[in-house]
PDB file of N, CA and C in Angstrom:
ATOM      1  N   UNK A   1     150.940  -2.203 109.076  1.00  0.00           N
ATOM      2  CA  UNK A   1     150.668  -1.473 107.869  1.00  0.00           C
ATOM      3  C   UNK A   1     150.581  -2.473 106.729  1.00  0.00           C
ATOM      4  N   UNK A   2     149.682  -2.208 105.814  1.00  0.00           N
ATOM      5  CA  UNK A   2     149.473  -3.075 104.654  1.00  0.00           C
ATOM      6  C   UNK A   2     149.413  -2.215 103.399  1.00  0.00           C
ATOM      7  N   UNK A   3     150.269  -2.535 102.460  1.00  0.00           N
ATOM      8  CA  UNK A   3     150.287  -1.843 101.171  1.00  0.00           C
ATOM      9  C   UNK A   3     149.374  -2.602 100.219  1.00  0.00           C
ATOM     10  N   UNK A   4     148.424  -1.895  99.634  1.00  0.00           N
ATOM     11  CA  UNK A   4     147.465  -2.493  98.721  1.00  0.00           C
ATOM     12  C   UNK A   4     147.878  -2.210  97.283  1.00  0.00           C
ATOM     13  N   UNK A   5     148.219  -3.263  96.560  1.00  0.00           N
ATOM     14  CA  UNK A   5     148.653  -3.126  95.182  1.00  0.00           C
ATOM     15  C   UNK A   5     147.485  -3.176  94.213  1.00  0.00           C
ATOM     16  N   UNK A   6     147.723  -2.653  93.050  1.00  0.00           N
ATOM     17  CA  UNK A   6     146.728  -2.665  91.980  1.00  0.00           C
ATOM     18  C   UNK A   6     147.463  -3.051  90.694  1.00  0.00           C
ATOM     19  N   UNK A   7     146.747  -3.546  89.734  1.00  0.00           N
ATOM     20  CA  UNK A   7     147.320  -3.958  88.450  1.00  0.00           C
ATOM     21  C   UNK A   7     146.865  -3.003  87.358  1.00  0.00           C
ATOM     22  N   UNK A   8     147.710  -2.848  86.365  1.00  0.00           N
ATOM     23  CA  UNK A   8     147.323  -2.109  85.168  1.00  0.00           C
ATOM     24  C   UNK A   8     146.557  -3.042  84.237  1.00  0.00           C
ATOM     25  N   UNK A   9     145.664  -2.498  83.436  1.00  0.00           N
ATOM     26  CA  UNK A   9     144.989  -3.335  82.439  1.00  0.00           C
ATOM     27  C   UNK A   9     145.999  -3.974  81.487  1.00  0.00           C
ATOM     28  N   UNK A  10     145.650  -5.134  80.948  1.00  0.00           N
ATOM     29  CA  UNK A  10     146.586  -5.873  80.087  1.00  0.00           C
ATOM     30  C   UNK A  10     146.995  -5.094  78.839  1.00  0.00           C
ATOM     31  N   UNK A  11     146.140  -4.190  78.377  1.00  0.00           N
ATOM     32  CA  UNK A  11     146.486  -3.445  77.158  1.00  0.00           C
ATOM     33  C   UNK A  11     147.641  -2.463  77.375  1.00  0.00           C
ATOM     34  N   UNK A  12     148.076  -2.257  78.603  1.00  0.00           N
ATOM     35  CA  UNK A  12     149.246  -1.413  78.855  1.00  0.00           C
ATOM     36  C   UNK A  12     150.540  -2.133  78.474  1.00  0.00           C
ATOM     37  N   UNK A  13     150.490  -3.451  78.402  1.00  0.00           N
ATOM     38  CA  UNK A  13     151.654  -4.242  78.020  1.00  0.00           C
ATOM     39  C   UNK A  13     152.468  -4.685  79.221  1.00  0.00           C
ATOM     40  N   UNK A  14     153.265  -5.726  79.019  1.00  0.00           N
ATOM     41  CA  UNK A  14     154.018  -6.310  80.127  1.00  0.00           C
ATOM     42  C   UNK A  14     155.066  -5.374  80.728  1.00  0.00           C
ATOM     43  N   UNK A  15     155.636  -4.507  79.928  1.00  0.00           N
ATOM     44  CA  UNK A  15     156.665  -3.604  80.462  1.00  0.00           C
ATOM     45  C   UNK A  15     156.091  -2.727  81.565  1.00  0.00           C
ATOM     46  N   UNK A  16     154.949  -2.118  81.325  1.00  0.00           N
ATOM     47  CA  UNK A  16     154.336  -1.244  82.318  1.00  0.00           C
ATOM     48  C   UNK A  16     153.763  -2.040  83.486  1.00  0.00           C
ATOM     49  N   UNK A  17     153.116  -3.166  83.177  1.00  0.00           N
ATOM     50  CA  UNK A  17     152.536  -4.000  84.239  1.00  0.00           C
ATOM     51  C   UNK A  17     153.622  -4.528  85.169  1.00  0.00           C
ATOM     52  N   UNK A  18     154.696  -5.069  84.592  1.00  0.00           N
ATOM     53  CA  UNK A  18     155.791  -5.595  85.403  1.00  0.00           C
ATOM     54  C   UNK A  18     156.473  -4.477  86.195  1.00  0.00           C
ATOM     55  N   UNK A  19     156.576  -3.316  85.567  1.00  0.00           N
ATOM     56  CA  UNK A  19     157.186  -2.173  86.253  1.00  0.00           C
ATOM     57  C   UNK A  19     156.389  -1.749  87.468  1.00  0.00           C
ATOM     58  N   UNK A  20     155.078  -1.702  87.327  1.00  0.00           N
ATOM     59  CA  UNK A  20     154.243  -1.314  88.463  1.00  0.00           C
ATOM     60  C   UNK A  20     154.304  -2.367  89.560  1.00  0.00           C
ATOM     61  N   UNK A  21     154.269  -3.626  89.178  1.00  0.00           N
ATOM     62  CA  UNK A  21     154.397  -4.697  90.173  1.00  0.00           C
ATOM     63  C   UNK A  21     155.700  -4.553  90.944  1.00  0.00           C
ATOM     64  N   UNK A  22     156.774  -4.246  90.236  1.00  0.00           N
ATOM     65  CA  UNK A  22     158.082  -4.092  90.875  1.00  0.00           C
ATOM     66  C   UNK A  22     158.097  -2.911  91.847  1.00  0.00           C
ATOM     67  N   UNK A  23     157.386  -1.857  91.512  1.00  0.00           N
ATOM     68  CA  UNK A  23     157.304  -0.700  92.415  1.00  0.00           C
ATOM     69  C   UNK A  23     156.661  -1.115  93.735  1.00  0.00           C
ATOM     70  N   UNK A  24     155.541  -1.812  93.649  1.00  0.00           N
ATOM     71  CA  UNK A  24     154.868  -2.250  94.876  1.00  0.00           C
ATOM     72  C   UNK A  24     155.742  -3.204  95.676  1.00  0.00           C
ATOM     73  N   UNK A  25     156.337  -4.175  95.010  1.00  0.00           N
ATOM     74  CA  UNK A  25     157.178  -5.151  95.705  1.00  0.00           C
ATOM     75  C   UNK A  25     158.379  -4.473  96.353  1.00  0.00           C
ATOM     76  N   UNK A  26     159.028  -3.616  95.610  1.00  0.00           N
ATOM     77  CA  UNK A  26     160.187  -2.915  96.138  1.00  0.00           C
ATOM     78  C   UNK A  26     159.848  -2.008  97.301  1.00  0.00           C
ATOM     79  N   UNK A  27     158.750  -1.304  97.199  1.00  0.00           N
ATOM     80  CA  UNK A  27     158.339  -0.406  98.277  1.00  0.00           C
ATOM     81  C   UNK A  27     158.005  -1.194  99.536  1.00  0.00           C
ATOM     82  N   UNK A  28     157.302  -2.299  99.382  1.00  0.00           N
ATOM     83  CA  UNK A  28     156.968  -3.122 100.550  1.00  0.00           C
ATOM     84  C   UNK A  28     158.230  -3.651 101.220  1.00  0.00           C
ATOM     85  N   UNK A  29     159.192  -4.084 100.419  1.00  0.00           N
ATOM     86  CA  UNK A  29     160.453  -4.583 100.987  1.00  0.00           C
ATOM     87  C   UNK A  29     161.239  -3.458 101.653  1.00  0.00           C
ATOM     88  N   UNK A  30     161.312  -2.329 100.995  1.00  0.00           N
ATOM     89  CA  UNK A  30     162.076  -1.194 101.515  1.00  0.00           C
ATOM     90  C   UNK A  30     161.503  -0.687 102.837  1.00  0.00           C
ATOM     91  N   UNK A  31     160.185  -0.640 102.917  1.00  0.00           N
ATOM     92  CA  UNK A  31     159.527  -0.105 104.115  1.00  0.00           C
ATOM     93  C   UNK A  31     159.159  -1.196 105.127  1.00  0.00           C
ATOM     94  N   UNK A  32     159.458  -2.455 104.778  1.00  0.00           N
ATOM     95  CA  UNK A  32     159.174  -3.585 105.666  1.00  0.00           C
ATOM     96  C   UNK A  32     157.700  -3.648 106.049  1.00  0.00           C
ATOM     97  N   UNK A  33     156.845  -3.591 105.024  1.00  0.00           N
ATOM     98  CA  UNK A  33     155.403  -3.683 105.243  1.00  0.00           C
ATOM     99  C   UNK A  33     154.846  -4.845 104.424  1.00  0.00           C
ATOM    100  N   UNK A  34     153.732  -5.357 104.867  1.00  0.00           N
ATOM    101  CA  UNK A  34     153.051  -6.429 104.140  1.00  0.00           C
ATOM    102  C   UNK A  34     152.464  -5.869 102.851  1.00  0.00           C
ATOM    103  N   UNK A  35     152.325  -6.742 101.874  1.00  0.00           N
ATOM    104  CA  UNK A  35     151.818  -6.343 100.565  1.00  0.00           C
ATOM    105  C   UNK A  35     150.697  -7.274 100.132  1.00  0.00           C
ATOM    106  N   UNK A  36     149.597  -6.691  99.728  1.00  0.00           N
ATOM    107  CA  UNK A  36     148.558  -7.403  98.994  1.00  0.00           C
ATOM    108  C   UNK A  36     148.789  -7.018  97.543  1.00  0.00           C
ATOM    109  N   UNK A  37     149.326  -7.932  96.717  1.00  0.00           N
ATOM    110  CA  UNK A  37     149.743  -7.548  95.368  1.00  0.00           C
ATOM    111  C   UNK A  37     148.638  -6.992  94.480  1.00  0.00           C
ATOM    112  N   UNK A  38     147.416  -7.524  94.615  1.00  0.00           N
ATOM    113  CA  UNK A  38     146.347  -7.067  93.722  1.00  0.00           C
ATOM    114  C   UNK A  38     145.033  -7.008  94.486  1.00  0.00           C
ATOM    115  N   UNK A  39     144.640  -5.820  94.833  1.00  0.00           N
ATOM    116  CA  UNK A  39     143.431  -5.577  95.615  1.00  0.00           C
ATOM    117  C   UNK A  39     142.192  -6.185  94.975  1.00  0.00           C
ATOM    118  N   UNK A  40     142.108  -6.145  93.666  1.00  0.00           N
ATOM    119  CA  UNK A  40     140.901  -6.587  92.962  1.00  0.00           C
ATOM    120  C   UNK A  40     141.002  -8.011  92.423  1.00  0.00           C
ATOM    121  N   UNK A  41     141.871  -8.820  93.011  1.00  0.00           N
ATOM    122  CA  UNK A  41     142.001 -10.211  92.591  1.00  0.00           C
ATOM    123  C   UNK A  41     140.651 -10.922  92.731  1.00  0.00           C
ATOM    124  N   UNK A  42     140.225 -11.594  91.683  1.00  0.00           N
ATOM    125  CA  UNK A  42     138.938 -12.281  91.702  1.00  0.00           C
ATOM    126  C   UNK A  42     137.749 -11.380  91.443  1.00  0.00           C
ATOM    127  N   UNK A  43     138.017 -10.106  91.228  1.00  0.00           N
ATOM    128  CA  UNK A  43     136.955  -9.128  90.993  1.00  0.00           C
ATOM    129  C   UNK A  43     137.113  -8.479  89.620  1.00  0.00           C
ATOM    130  N   UNK A  44     138.314  -8.036  89.314  1.00  0.00           N
ATOM    131  CA  UNK A  44     138.559  -7.210  88.124  1.00  0.00           C
ATOM    132  C   UNK A  44     138.172  -7.871  86.806  1.00  0.00           C
ATOM    133  N   UNK A  45     138.274  -9.181  86.732  1.00  0.00           N
ATOM    134  CA  UNK A  45     137.971  -9.859  85.465  1.00  0.00           C
ATOM    135  C   UNK A  45     136.540 -10.387  85.404  1.00  0.00           C
ATOM    136  N   UNK A  46     135.761 -10.074  86.405  1.00  0.00           N
ATOM    137  CA  UNK A  46     134.359 -10.514  86.436  1.00  0.00           C
ATOM    138  C   UNK A  46     133.462  -9.308  86.157  1.00  0.00           C
ATOM    139  N   UNK A  47     132.904  -9.203  84.956  1.00  0.00           N
ATOM    140  CA  UNK A  47     132.092  -8.037  84.605  1.00  0.00           C
ATOM    141  C   UNK A  47     130.909  -7.813  85.544  1.00  0.00           C
ATOM    142  N   UNK A  48     130.417  -8.863  86.166  1.00  0.00           N
ATOM    143  CA  UNK A  48     129.293  -8.727  87.092  1.00  0.00           C
ATOM    144  C   UNK A  48     129.702  -8.021  88.383  1.00  0.00           C
ATOM    145  N   UNK A  49     130.998  -7.957  88.643  1.00  0.00           N
ATOM    146  CA  UNK A  49     131.490  -7.342  89.880  1.00  0.00           C
ATOM    147  C   UNK A  49     132.144  -5.988  89.653  1.00  0.00           C
ATOM    148  N   UNK A  50     132.177  -5.543  88.377  1.00  0.00           N
ATOM    149  CA  UNK A  50     132.833  -4.284  88.054  1.00  0.00           C
ATOM    150  C   UNK A  50     131.847  -3.279  87.475  1.00  0.00           C
ATOM    151  N   UNK A  51     132.082  -2.001  87.773  1.00  0.00           N
ATOM    152  CA  UNK A  51     131.266  -0.939  87.202  1.00  0.00           C
ATOM    153  C   UNK A  51     131.546  -0.824  85.698  1.00  0.00           C
ATOM    154  N   UNK A  52     130.724  -0.073  85.018  1.00  0.00           N
ATOM    155  CA  UNK A  52     130.844   0.091  83.565  1.00  0.00           C
ATOM    156  C   UNK A  52     132.198   0.655  83.146  1.00  0.00           C
ATOM    157  N   UNK A  53     132.859   1.408  84.033  1.00  0.00           N
ATOM    158  CA  UNK A  53     134.165   1.970  83.679  1.00  0.00           C
ATOM    159  C   UNK A  53     135.260   0.905  83.631  1.00  0.00           C
ATOM    160  N   UNK A  54     134.973  -0.285  84.141  1.00  0.00           N
ATOM    161  CA  UNK A  54     135.950  -1.364  84.135  1.00  0.00           C
ATOM    162  C   UNK A  54     137.088  -1.193  85.115  1.00  0.00           C
ATOM    163  N   UNK A  55     137.004  -0.159  85.951  1.00  0.00           N
ATOM    164  CA  UNK A  55     138.087   0.133  86.895  1.00  0.00           C
ATOM    165  C   UNK A  55     137.683  -0.061  88.357  1.00  0.00           C
ATOM    166  N   UNK A  56     136.419   0.109  88.640  1.00  0.00           N
ATOM    167  CA  UNK A  56     135.958   0.120  90.023  1.00  0.00           C
ATOM    168  C   UNK A  56     134.941  -0.984  90.273  1.00  0.00           C
ATOM    169  N   UNK A  57     135.043  -1.644  91.433  1.00  0.00           N
ATOM    170  CA  UNK A  57     134.081  -2.703  91.736  1.00  0.00           C
ATOM    171  C   UNK A  57     132.702  -2.140  92.057  1.00  0.00           C
ATOM    172  N   UNK A  58     131.709  -2.974  91.806  1.00  0.00           N
ATOM    173  CA  UNK A  58     130.345  -2.640  92.208  1.00  0.00           C
ATOM    174  C   UNK A  58     130.169  -3.030  93.674  1.00  0.00           C
ATOM    175  N   UNK A  59     129.019  -2.722  94.207  1.00  0.00           N
ATOM    176  CA  UNK A  59     128.701  -3.149  95.566  1.00  0.00           C
ATOM    177  C   UNK A  59     128.779  -4.658  95.704  1.00  0.00           C
ATOM    178  N   UNK A  60     128.409  -5.371  94.650  1.00  0.00           N
ATOM    179  CA  UNK A  60     128.460  -6.831  94.679  1.00  0.00           C
ATOM    180  C   UNK A  60     129.902  -7.342  94.737  1.00  0.00           C
ATOM    181  N   UNK A  61     130.847  -6.548  94.259  1.00  0.00           N
ATOM    182  CA  UNK A  61     132.252  -6.951  94.283  1.00  0.00           C
ATOM    183  C   UNK A  61     132.967  -6.635  95.584  1.00  0.00           C
ATOM    184  N   UNK A  62     132.390  -5.743  96.363  1.00  0.00           N
ATOM    185  CA  UNK A  62     133.061  -5.307  97.594  1.00  0.00           C
ATOM    186  C   UNK A  62     133.331  -6.429  98.597  1.00  0.00           C
ATOM    187  N   UNK A  63     132.429  -7.411  98.768  1.00  0.00           N
ATOM    188  CA  UNK A  63     132.762  -8.490  99.713  1.00  0.00           C
ATOM    189  C   UNK A  63     134.032  -9.245  99.326  1.00  0.00           C
ATOM    190  N   UNK A  64     134.275  -9.440  98.046  1.00  0.00           N
ATOM    191  CA  UNK A  64     135.506 -10.103  97.602  1.00  0.00           C
ATOM    192  C   UNK A  64     136.715  -9.215  97.867  1.00  0.00           C
ATOM    193  N   UNK A  65     136.578  -7.907  97.676  1.00  0.00           N
ATOM    194  CA  UNK A  65     137.672  -6.982  97.990  1.00  0.00           C
ATOM    195  C   UNK A  65     137.986  -7.064  99.482  1.00  0.00           C
ATOM    196  N   UNK A  66     136.953  -7.055 100.304  1.00  0.00           N
ATOM    197  CA  UNK A  66     137.148  -7.190 101.755  1.00  0.00           C
ATOM    198  C   UNK A  66     137.856  -8.500 102.081  1.00  0.00           C
ATOM    199  N   UNK A  67     137.422  -9.575 101.452  1.00  0.00           N
ATOM    200  CA  UNK A  67     138.051 -10.880 101.685  1.00  0.00           C
ATOM    201  C   UNK A  67     139.535 -10.838 101.324  1.00  0.00           C
ATOM    202  N   UNK A  68     139.862 -10.206 100.206  1.00  0.00           N
ATOM    203  CA  UNK A  68     141.260 -10.083  99.790  1.00  0.00           C
ATOM    204  C   UNK A  68     142.091  -9.350 100.832  1.00  0.00           C
ATOM    205  N   UNK A  69     141.565  -8.238 101.307  1.00  0.00           N
ATOM    206  CA  UNK A  69     142.299  -7.429 102.289  1.00  0.00           C
ATOM    207  C   UNK A  69     142.375  -8.163 103.618  1.00  0.00           C
ATOM    208  N   UNK A  70     141.267  -8.704 104.061  1.00  0.00           N
ATOM    209  CA  UNK A  70     141.209  -9.322 105.391  1.00  0.00           C
ATOM    210  C   UNK A  70     142.149 -10.522 105.487  1.00  0.00           C
ATOM    211  N   UNK A  71     142.273 -11.269 104.401  1.00  0.00           N
ATOM    212  CA  UNK A  71     143.150 -12.444 104.371  1.00  0.00           C
ATOM    213  C   UNK A  71     144.595 -12.065 104.728  1.00  0.00           C
ATOM    214  N   UNK A  72     145.048 -10.902 104.315  1.00  0.00           N
ATOM    215  CA  UNK A  72     146.418 -10.461 104.575  1.00  0.00           C
ATOM    216  C   UNK A  72     146.491  -9.608 105.831  1.00  0.00           C
ATOM    217  N   UNK A  73     145.456  -8.821 106.097  1.00  0.00           N
ATOM    218  CA  UNK A  73     145.462  -7.915 107.243  1.00  0.00           C
ATOM    219  C   UNK A  73     145.262  -8.631 108.572  1.00  0.00           C
ATOM    220  N   UNK A  74     144.373  -9.584 108.616  1.00  0.00           N
ATOM    221  CA  UNK A  74     144.048 -10.234 109.890  1.00  0.00           C
ATOM    222  C   UNK A  74     145.289 -10.789 110.605  1.00  0.00           C
ATOM    223  N   UNK A  75     146.170 -11.501 109.927  1.00  0.00           N
ATOM    224  CA  UNK A  75     147.366 -12.001 110.645  1.00  0.00           C
ATOM    225  C   UNK A  75     148.257 -10.894 111.193  1.00  0.00           C
ATOM    226  N   UNK A  76     148.204  -9.734 110.592  1.00  0.00           N
ATOM    227  CA  UNK A  76     149.020  -8.612 111.068  1.00  0.00           C
ATOM    228  C   UNK A  76     148.478  -8.026 112.362  1.00  0.00           C
ATOM    229  N   UNK A  77     147.206  -8.262 112.652  1.00  0.00           N
ATOM    230  CA  UNK A  77     146.569  -7.672 113.834  1.00  0.00           C
ATOM    231  C   UNK A  77     146.735  -8.514 115.077  1.00  0.00           C
ATOM    232  N   UNK A  78     147.184  -9.732 114.908  1.00  0.00           N
ATOM    233  CA  UNK A  78     147.377 -10.615 116.057  1.00  0.00           C
ATOM    234  C   UNK A  78     148.627 -10.215 116.812  1.00  0.00           C
ATOM    235  N   UNK A  79     148.551 -10.238 118.170  1.00  0.00           N
ATOM    236  CA  UNK A  79     149.734  -9.871 118.962  1.00  0.00           C
ATOM    237  C   UNK A  79     150.865 -10.875 118.862  1.00  0.00           C
TER     238      UNK A  79
END
């Protein structure tokens, strides 16, 4: 099992961002599951890879999202 984390936009402030990060970290530790801290790492800050809403990746961003997930998921699939 792999828990996929997401980040809040910076305008939410460090209190909310740090709080959400702690939720993901704590849940992964509590449930003993792997964690990908930020699904959109390398995507979210690149306007060419994000839709106009600034929240969702475009088709061009999806390969990077796959790369992010696969990097953490692949080792979990090995016997």
